[in-house]
């Protein structure tokens, strides 16, 4: 954890009990339906997390959407659209045939999912029940995936999948602003399934201990793990997918995601030689000046090309570089047991109330 973050959490620690109590009260009021909860006409799957920062929700949501489509469902992905400028009550990023909004309007993740899942509708909206209803009634969708939905309690769901990064797990196990948790750990009682993402040989032993802890504290809730599988690197200029072994070397890496060092480690795991690396803030906006600075650093380090994440690439379409620009493409493969639970939840979904 960076020293600046440690200092911030140290200062915020006295306020953690207050925030924790507020989140517990909020959850209770939704559970007792003092705050309105909406039951929709179709099954709803929530994919979310307890911790702040990246846990790999986007690749998991994408993998689930593809799986459900292959099973004959018509899924839609519903997101808040964090960072997107589109302010309508319902923002159709993609209707499953045409992409309407760019990354600046839709947000990084919704645009990325719209590009990688061209046959699956992606919608955003702050009041998420509204894009949910639009997906059902206007687009004919019969199952909804709530992206980052664990804390969005206004929409009932048929299965709650909670993710933890196998690298960071529960962080320092303190509630914000004294730590990484969005809610106290007791909120995990709402979960149906736990998924540890980004499993590697390096973090596997620690992740297995954490999985055992989850099983002890929340018996009956299955715990699965998943790994990111590289499928190649896409070149921006012609959108072709290249084998990682065929890339120029060395490369200069850069990204603006929640955990930049995780991307750097992914490159190292694939034996990609870096001449340098630029880590930026999550949802970083790329200005011409920043892009010039990155390329200048790359050229001065002897890089023959640039490489970034797929999430960053959606914000770089049309940008001009002297060096070739690639994005690392990774996929998540879902455990067969998790797939079975998801299908079972859809088949036994409760009728609308």
Protein backbone atom coordinates (compact mmCIF):
# COMPACT_ATOMS: atom_id res chain seq x y z
CA UNK A 1 0.00 0.00 0.00
CA UNK A 2 1.42 3.45 -0.89
CA UNK A 3 2.53 5.59 2.05
CA UNK A 4 0.07 8.33 1.07
CA UNK A 5 -2.82 5.86 1.31
CA UNK A 6 -1.60 4.59 4.67
CA UNK A 7 -1.54 8.16 6.01
CA UNK A 8 -5.03 8.83 4.65
CA UNK A 9 -6.41 5.71 6.30
CA UNK A 10 -4.65 6.53 9.56
CA UNK A 11 -6.32 9.95 9.64
CA UNK A 12 -9.67 8.46 8.70
CA UNK A 13 -9.62 5.59 11.19
CA UNK A 14 -11.55 7.43 13.96
CA UNK A 15 -14.42 7.96 11.53
CA UNK A 16 -14.64 4.33 10.38
CA UNK A 17 -17.14 3.28 13.09
CA UNK A 18 -19.47 6.12 12.07
CA UNK A 19 -19.38 5.19 8.39
CA UNK A 20 -19.71 1.51 9.23
CA UNK A 21 -22.78 2.16 11.39
CA UNK A 22 -24.35 4.29 8.64
CA UNK A 23 -23.86 1.53 6.07
CA UNK A 24 -25.29 -1.08 8.44
CA UNK A 25 -28.36 1.09 9.04
CA UNK A 26 -28.80 1.63 5.31
CA UNK A 27 -28.67 -2.12 4.68
CA UNK A 28 -31.18 -2.76 7.47
CA UNK A 29 -33.62 -0.18 6.09
CA UNK A 30 -33.47 -1.81 2.66
CA UNK A 31 -33.84 -5.29 4.17
CA UNK A 32 -36.99 -4.19 6.01
CA UNK A 33 -38.17 -2.35 2.89
CA UNK A 34 -38.32 1.03 4.59
CA UNK A 35 -36.33 2.09 1.54
CA UNK A 36 -38.03 0.91 -1.62
CA UNK A 37 -36.64 -2.14 -3.41
CA UNK A 38 -37.70 -3.00 -6.94
CA UNK A 39 -38.42 -6.55 -8.04
CA UNK A 40 -38.07 -6.84 -11.82
CA UNK A 41 -39.80 -9.13 -14.27
CA UNK A 42 -36.60 -11.03 -15.13
CA UNK A 43 -33.78 -12.57 -13.06
CA UNK A 44 -31.03 -10.23 -11.86
CA UNK A 45 -27.41 -11.21 -11.19
CA UNK A 46 -25.27 -8.79 -9.18
CA UNK A 47 -21.49 -8.77 -9.49
CA UNK A 48 -19.81 -6.53 -6.92
CA UNK A 49 -17.25 -6.30 -4.19
CA UNK A 50 -16.81 -5.30 -0.56
CA UNK A 51 -13.50 -3.54 -1.11
CA UNK A 52 -12.69 -0.35 -2.94
CA UNK A 53 -10.45 -0.57 -5.98
CA UNK A 54 -10.16 -3.10 -8.74
CA UNK A 55 -11.29 -6.68 -8.20
CA UNK A 56 -11.77 -7.64 -11.85
CA UNK A 57 -15.52 -7.06 -12.08
CA UNK A 58 -15.47 -6.11 -15.77
CA UNK A 59 -13.92 -9.37 -17.08
CA UNK A 60 -16.18 -11.41 -14.79
CA UNK A 61 -19.32 -9.58 -15.94
CA UNK A 62 -18.20 -9.99 -19.55
CA UNK A 63 -17.56 -13.71 -19.08
CA UNK A 64 -20.96 -14.20 -17.41
CA UNK A 65 -22.73 -12.28 -20.18
CA UNK A 66 -21.08 -14.40 -22.87
CA UNK A 67 -21.89 -17.60 -20.98
CA UNK A 68 -25.55 -16.65 -20.55
CA UNK A 69 -25.84 -15.71 -24.21
CA UNK A 70 -24.41 -19.10 -25.18
CA UNK A 71 -27.10 -20.70 -22.99
CA UNK A 72 -29.82 -19.01 -25.02
CA UNK A 73 -30.50 -16.04 -22.77
CA UNK A 74 -30.70 -12.41 -23.90
CA UNK A 75 -28.58 -10.68 -21.21
CA UNK A 76 -28.02 -6.98 -20.66
CA UNK A 77 -25.32 -5.31 -18.58
CA UNK A 78 -26.42 -2.46 -16.32
CA UNK A 79 -23.81 -0.10 -14.88
CA UNK A 80 -23.81 3.18 -13.03
CA UNK A 81 -21.42 4.49 -15.68
CA UNK A 82 -18.87 5.92 -13.25
CA UNK A 83 -16.83 8.70 -14.87
CA UNK A 84 -19.12 8.96 -17.89
CA UNK A 85 -20.55 12.34 -18.83
CA UNK A 86 -23.87 10.99 -20.13
CA UNK A 87 -26.49 12.27 -17.72
CA UNK A 88 -29.76 10.87 -19.02
CA UNK A 89 -31.94 8.71 -16.82
CA UNK A 90 -31.23 5.88 -19.27
CA UNK A 91 -28.03 5.87 -21.34
CA UNK A 92 -27.87 3.15 -23.98
CA UNK A 93 -24.18 2.56 -24.55
CA UNK A 94 -25.02 -0.29 -26.90
CA UNK A 95 -28.31 -1.91 -27.89
CA UNK A 96 -26.56 -5.11 -28.92
CA UNK A 97 -26.24 -3.98 -32.52
CA UNK A 98 -24.85 -0.42 -32.44
CA UNK A 99 -22.52 1.36 -30.03
CA UNK A 100 -23.84 4.87 -29.38
CA UNK A 101 -21.59 6.35 -26.68
CA UNK A 102 -17.82 6.76 -26.45
CA UNK A 103 -15.77 6.24 -23.30
CA UNK A 104 -16.07 9.88 -22.23
CA UNK A 105 -19.86 9.63 -22.31
CA UNK A 106 -20.36 6.05 -21.16
CA UNK A 107 -17.46 5.56 -18.75
CA UNK A 108 -14.43 3.34 -19.30
CA UNK A 109 -15.87 -0.04 -18.33
CA UNK A 110 -19.27 0.22 -20.06
CA UNK A 111 -17.61 1.28 -23.31
CA UNK A 112 -15.10 -1.57 -23.05
CA UNK A 113 -17.87 -4.11 -22.49
CA UNK A 114 -19.86 -2.69 -25.40
CA UNK A 115 -16.81 -3.15 -27.66
CA UNK A 116 -15.92 -6.65 -26.49
CA UNK A 117 -19.55 -7.87 -26.38
CA UNK A 118 -21.04 -6.43 -29.58
CA UNK A 119 -24.22 -8.55 -29.41
CA UNK A 120 -25.07 -7.71 -25.78
CA UNK A 121 -26.79 -4.47 -24.68
CA UNK A 122 -24.94 -2.24 -22.20
CA UNK A 123 -26.81 0.52 -20.39
CA UNK A 124 -25.97 3.03 -17.67
CA UNK A 125 -27.90 5.24 -15.27
CA UNK A 126 -27.52 6.51 -11.73
CA UNK A 127 -30.99 5.20 -10.75
CA UNK A 128 -30.30 1.72 -12.05
CA UNK A 129 -33.84 0.43 -12.00
CA UNK A 130 -34.56 2.74 -14.97
CA UNK A 131 -31.98 1.26 -17.40
CA UNK A 132 -32.99 -2.17 -16.05
CA UNK A 133 -36.58 -1.61 -17.12
CA UNK A 134 -35.52 -0.19 -20.48
CA UNK A 135 -33.40 -3.27 -21.17
CA UNK A 136 -36.38 -5.52 -20.44
CA UNK A 137 -39.16 -3.59 -22.12
CA UNK A 138 -37.43 -1.88 -25.05
CA UNK A 139 -34.61 -4.33 -25.83
CA UNK A 140 -36.24 -7.64 -24.94
CA UNK A 141 -33.61 -8.76 -22.44
CA UNK A 142 -34.53 -11.64 -20.13
CA UNK A 143 -31.67 -11.55 -17.61
CA UNK A 144 -29.79 -8.56 -16.18
CA UNK A 145 -26.22 -8.30 -14.93
CA UNK A 146 -25.68 -5.51 -12.39
CA UNK A 147 -22.07 -4.36 -12.74
CA UNK A 148 -20.74 -3.24 -9.33
CA UNK A 149 -24.11 -3.99 -7.79
CA UNK A 150 -23.38 -5.29 -4.28
CA UNK A 151 -24.07 -1.94 -2.57
CA UNK A 152 -26.90 -1.01 -4.96
CA UNK A 153 -29.72 -2.36 -2.82
CA UNK A 154 -32.65 -0.67 -4.56
CA UNK A 155 -32.86 -3.49 -7.13
CA UNK A 156 -33.60 -7.01 -5.89
CA UNK A 157 -31.34 -9.71 -7.25
CA UNK A 158 -31.54 -13.46 -7.55
CA UNK A 159 -27.86 -14.07 -6.93
CA UNK A 160 -25.18 -11.90 -5.30
CA UNK A 161 -21.65 -12.68 -6.50
CA UNK A 162 -19.00 -10.91 -4.43
CA UNK A 163 -15.46 -10.59 -5.75
CA UNK A 164 -12.14 -10.27 -3.97
CA UNK A 165 -8.83 -9.73 -5.71
CA UNK A 166 -6.51 -12.63 -4.93
CA UNK A 167 -3.73 -10.04 -4.61
CA UNK A 168 -5.31 -7.61 -2.15
CA UNK A 169 -8.11 -9.73 -0.57
CA UNK A 170 -9.75 -7.55 2.14
CA UNK A 171 -6.96 -4.98 2.26
CA UNK A 172 -6.43 -3.78 5.84
CA UNK A 173 -9.92 -5.10 6.79
CA UNK A 174 -11.05 -1.66 8.05
CA UNK A 175 -14.07 0.23 6.81
CA UNK A 176 -13.63 3.47 4.88
CA UNK A 177 -12.30 6.09 5.58
CA UNK A 178 -9.92 4.08 7.72
CA UNK A 179 -9.47 1.29 5.23
CA UNK A 180 -10.42 -0.50 2.04
CA UNK A 181 -13.89 -1.80 2.91
CA UNK A 182 -17.05 -0.14 1.56
CA UNK A 183 -19.10 -1.81 4.30
CA UNK A 184 -18.32 -3.87 7.40
CA UNK A 185 -17.54 -7.52 6.76
CA UNK A 186 -20.94 -8.49 8.19
CA UNK A 187 -22.45 -7.24 4.89
CA UNK A 188 -21.08 -10.41 3.28
CA UNK A 189 -24.07 -12.24 4.75
CA UNK A 190 -25.96 -10.81 1.75
CA UNK A 191 -23.62 -12.65 -0.63
CA UNK A 192 -24.53 -15.96 -2.25
CA UNK A 193 -21.16 -16.75 -3.84
CA UNK A 194 -17.58 -15.54 -3.38
CA UNK A 195 -15.11 -15.36 -6.25
CA UNK A 196 -11.38 -14.72 -5.80
CA UNK A 197 -10.11 -13.19 -9.04
CA UNK A 198 -6.64 -13.01 -10.52
CA UNK A 199 -5.33 -16.22 -9.01
CA UNK A 200 -1.63 -16.84 -9.72
CA UNK A 201 1.11 -19.10 -8.43
CA UNK A 202 2.40 -16.15 -6.39
CA UNK A 203 -0.80 -15.36 -4.51
CA UNK A 204 -2.51 -18.76 -4.49
CA UNK A 205 -1.48 -19.93 -1.01
CA UNK A 206 -2.60 -16.70 0.66
CA UNK A 207 -5.82 -16.67 -1.36
CA UNK A 208 -6.58 -20.25 -0.31
CA UNK A 209 -6.21 -19.27 3.36
CA UNK A 210 -8.58 -16.37 2.78
CA UNK A 211 -11.05 -18.70 1.03
CA UNK A 212 -10.94 -21.00 4.05
CA UNK A 213 -11.64 -18.00 6.31
CA UNK A 214 -14.67 -17.04 4.21
CA UNK A 215 -15.96 -20.63 4.41
CA UNK A 216 -15.63 -20.65 8.20
CA UNK A 217 -17.29 -17.27 8.69
CA UNK A 218 -20.01 -17.74 6.07
CA UNK A 219 -20.77 -21.47 5.91
CA UNK A 220 -22.85 -22.63 2.99
CA UNK A 221 -21.63 -19.88 0.67
CA UNK A 222 -19.34 -21.42 -1.98
CA UNK A 223 -15.97 -19.89 -2.78
CA UNK A 224 -14.48 -20.08 -6.28
CA UNK A 225 -11.34 -18.69 -7.88
CA UNK A 226 -10.51 -17.52 -11.37
CA UNK A 227 -7.40 -16.54 -13.30
CA UNK A 228 -6.79 -14.05 -16.08
CA UNK A 229 -5.80 -15.75 -19.30
CA UNK A 230 -3.89 -13.72 -21.93
CA UNK A 231 -5.26 -13.98 -25.46
CA UNK A 232 -2.82 -11.59 -27.15
CA UNK A 233 -2.26 -7.88 -27.72
CA UNK A 234 -4.36 -5.75 -30.06
CA UNK A 235 -2.66 -3.11 -32.16
CA UNK A 236 -4.62 0.15 -32.21
CA UNK A 237 -3.75 1.16 -35.77
CA UNK A 238 -5.37 -1.85 -37.45
CA UNK A 239 -7.24 -3.62 -34.59
CA UNK A 240 -5.37 -6.87 -35.27
CA UNK A 241 -4.64 -9.32 -32.47
CA UNK A 242 -0.97 -10.26 -32.14
CA UNK A 243 0.63 -13.10 -30.22
CA UNK A 244 2.52 -11.79 -27.21
CA UNK A 245 5.69 -13.50 -28.42
CA UNK A 246 5.57 -11.44 -31.64
CA UNK A 247 5.49 -8.00 -29.98
CA UNK A 248 8.38 -5.53 -30.39
CA UNK A 249 10.76 -5.43 -27.46
CA UNK A 250 11.23 -3.62 -25.18
CA UNK A 251 7.85 -2.01 -24.53
CA UNK A 252 6.84 0.94 -22.40
CA UNK A 253 3.77 0.13 -20.31
CA UNK A 254 1.23 2.61 -18.98
CA UNK A 255 -2.27 2.50 -17.50
CA UNK A 256 -4.84 4.37 -15.46
CA UNK A 257 -6.57 1.66 -13.43
CA UNK A 258 -7.20 1.03 -9.74
CA UNK A 259 -4.04 -1.06 -9.32
CA UNK A 260 -1.44 -0.11 -11.94
CA UNK A 261 1.18 -2.41 -10.46
CA UNK A 262 -1.14 -5.37 -11.11
CA UNK A 263 -0.96 -4.59 -14.82
CA UNK A 264 2.81 -4.30 -14.63
CA UNK A 265 2.93 -7.70 -12.94
CA UNK A 266 0.66 -9.17 -15.65
CA UNK A 267 3.15 -8.02 -18.26
CA UNK A 268 6.01 -9.53 -16.29
CA UNK A 269 4.09 -12.79 -15.93
CA UNK A 270 3.90 -12.97 -19.74
CA UNK A 271 7.67 -12.42 -20.05
CA UNK A 272 7.15 -9.01 -21.71
CA UNK A 273 10.27 -6.88 -21.38
CA UNK A 274 9.62 -3.30 -20.30
CA UNK A 275 11.93 -0.35 -20.76
CA UNK A 276 9.74 1.70 -18.43
CA UNK A 277 6.30 1.96 -16.90
CA UNK A 278 3.91 4.85 -16.15
CA UNK A 279 1.22 4.21 -13.54
CA UNK A 280 -1.67 6.70 -13.47
CA UNK A 281 -4.82 7.26 -11.43
CA UNK A 282 -7.91 5.11 -11.97
CA UNK A 283 -10.17 6.50 -14.74
CA UNK A 284 -7.33 8.79 -15.84
CA UNK A 285 -8.32 11.28 -18.53
CA UNK A 286 -5.75 11.36 -21.30
CA UNK A 287 -4.89 14.87 -22.47
CA UNK A 288 -2.60 15.56 -25.46
CA UNK A 289 0.04 16.79 -23.02
CA UNK A 290 -0.07 13.62 -20.96
CA UNK A 291 0.16 11.42 -24.05
CA UNK A 292 3.16 13.40 -25.30
CA UNK A 293 4.81 12.97 -21.90
CA UNK A 294 4.25 9.19 -21.91
CA UNK A 295 5.64 8.81 -25.41
CA UNK A 296 8.62 11.01 -24.59
CA UNK A 297 9.43 8.80 -21.62
CA UNK A 298 9.04 5.72 -23.80
CA UNK A 299 11.34 7.03 -26.53
CA UNK A 300 13.99 8.13 -24.04
CA UNK A 301 13.96 4.64 -22.46
CA UNK A 302 14.52 2.94 -25.81
CA UNK A 303 11.02 1.45 -26.13
CA UNK A 304 9.99 0.17 -29.54
CA UNK A 305 6.27 0.29 -28.76
CA UNK A 306 3.69 1.16 -26.11
CA UNK A 307 1.37 -1.22 -24.28
CA UNK A 308 -1.65 -0.48 -22.08
CA UNK A 309 -4.82 -2.14 -20.82
CA UNK A 310 -7.98 -2.74 -22.82
CA UNK A 311 -9.78 -0.42 -20.40
CA UNK A 312 -7.35 2.41 -21.19
CA UNK A 313 -7.47 1.73 -24.90
CA UNK A 314 -11.13 2.68 -25.19
CA UNK A 315 -10.10 6.24 -24.27
CA UNK A 316 -7.25 6.34 -26.77
CA UNK A 317 -9.11 5.59 -30.00
CA UNK A 318 -7.95 8.01 -32.66
CA UNK A 319 -4.95 9.25 -30.68
CA UNK A 320 -1.75 9.59 -32.66
CA UNK A 321 1.56 8.12 -31.51
CA UNK A 322 4.89 7.79 -33.27
CA UNK A 323 5.39 4.43 -31.58
CA UNK A 324 3.06 1.46 -32.21
CA UNK A 325 0.37 1.15 -29.52
CA UNK A 326 -0.89 -2.21 -28.22
CA UNK A 327 -3.40 -3.24 -25.56
CA UNK A 328 -3.05 -6.45 -23.57
CA UNK A 329 -6.14 -8.62 -23.96
CA UNK A 330 -7.05 -10.92 -21.08
CA UNK A 331 -10.02 -13.17 -20.42
CA UNK A 332 -11.48 -14.73 -17.29
CA UNK A 333 -12.52 -18.39 -17.40
CA UNK A 334 -15.36 -19.16 -14.99
CA UNK A 335 -15.42 -22.26 -12.81
CA UNK A 336 -17.99 -24.85 -13.92
CA UNK A 337 -19.39 -24.90 -10.39
CA UNK A 338 -20.05 -21.16 -10.53
CA UNK A 339 -21.74 -21.52 -13.91
CA UNK A 340 -23.98 -24.24 -12.49
CA UNK A 341 -25.00 -22.05 -9.54
CA UNK A 342 -25.79 -19.13 -11.85
CA UNK A 343 -27.99 -21.27 -14.10
CA UNK A 344 -29.75 -22.77 -11.10
CA UNK A 345 -30.48 -19.31 -9.71
CA UNK A 346 -32.08 -18.29 -12.99
CA UNK A 347 -34.22 -21.41 -13.17
CA UNK A 348 -35.50 -20.96 -9.62
CA UNK A 349 -35.83 -17.14 -9.70
CA UNK A 350 -38.66 -15.93 -7.54
CA UNK A 351 -41.67 -14.43 -9.32
CA UNK A 352 -42.08 -10.64 -9.26
CA UNK A 353 -43.59 -9.20 -6.09
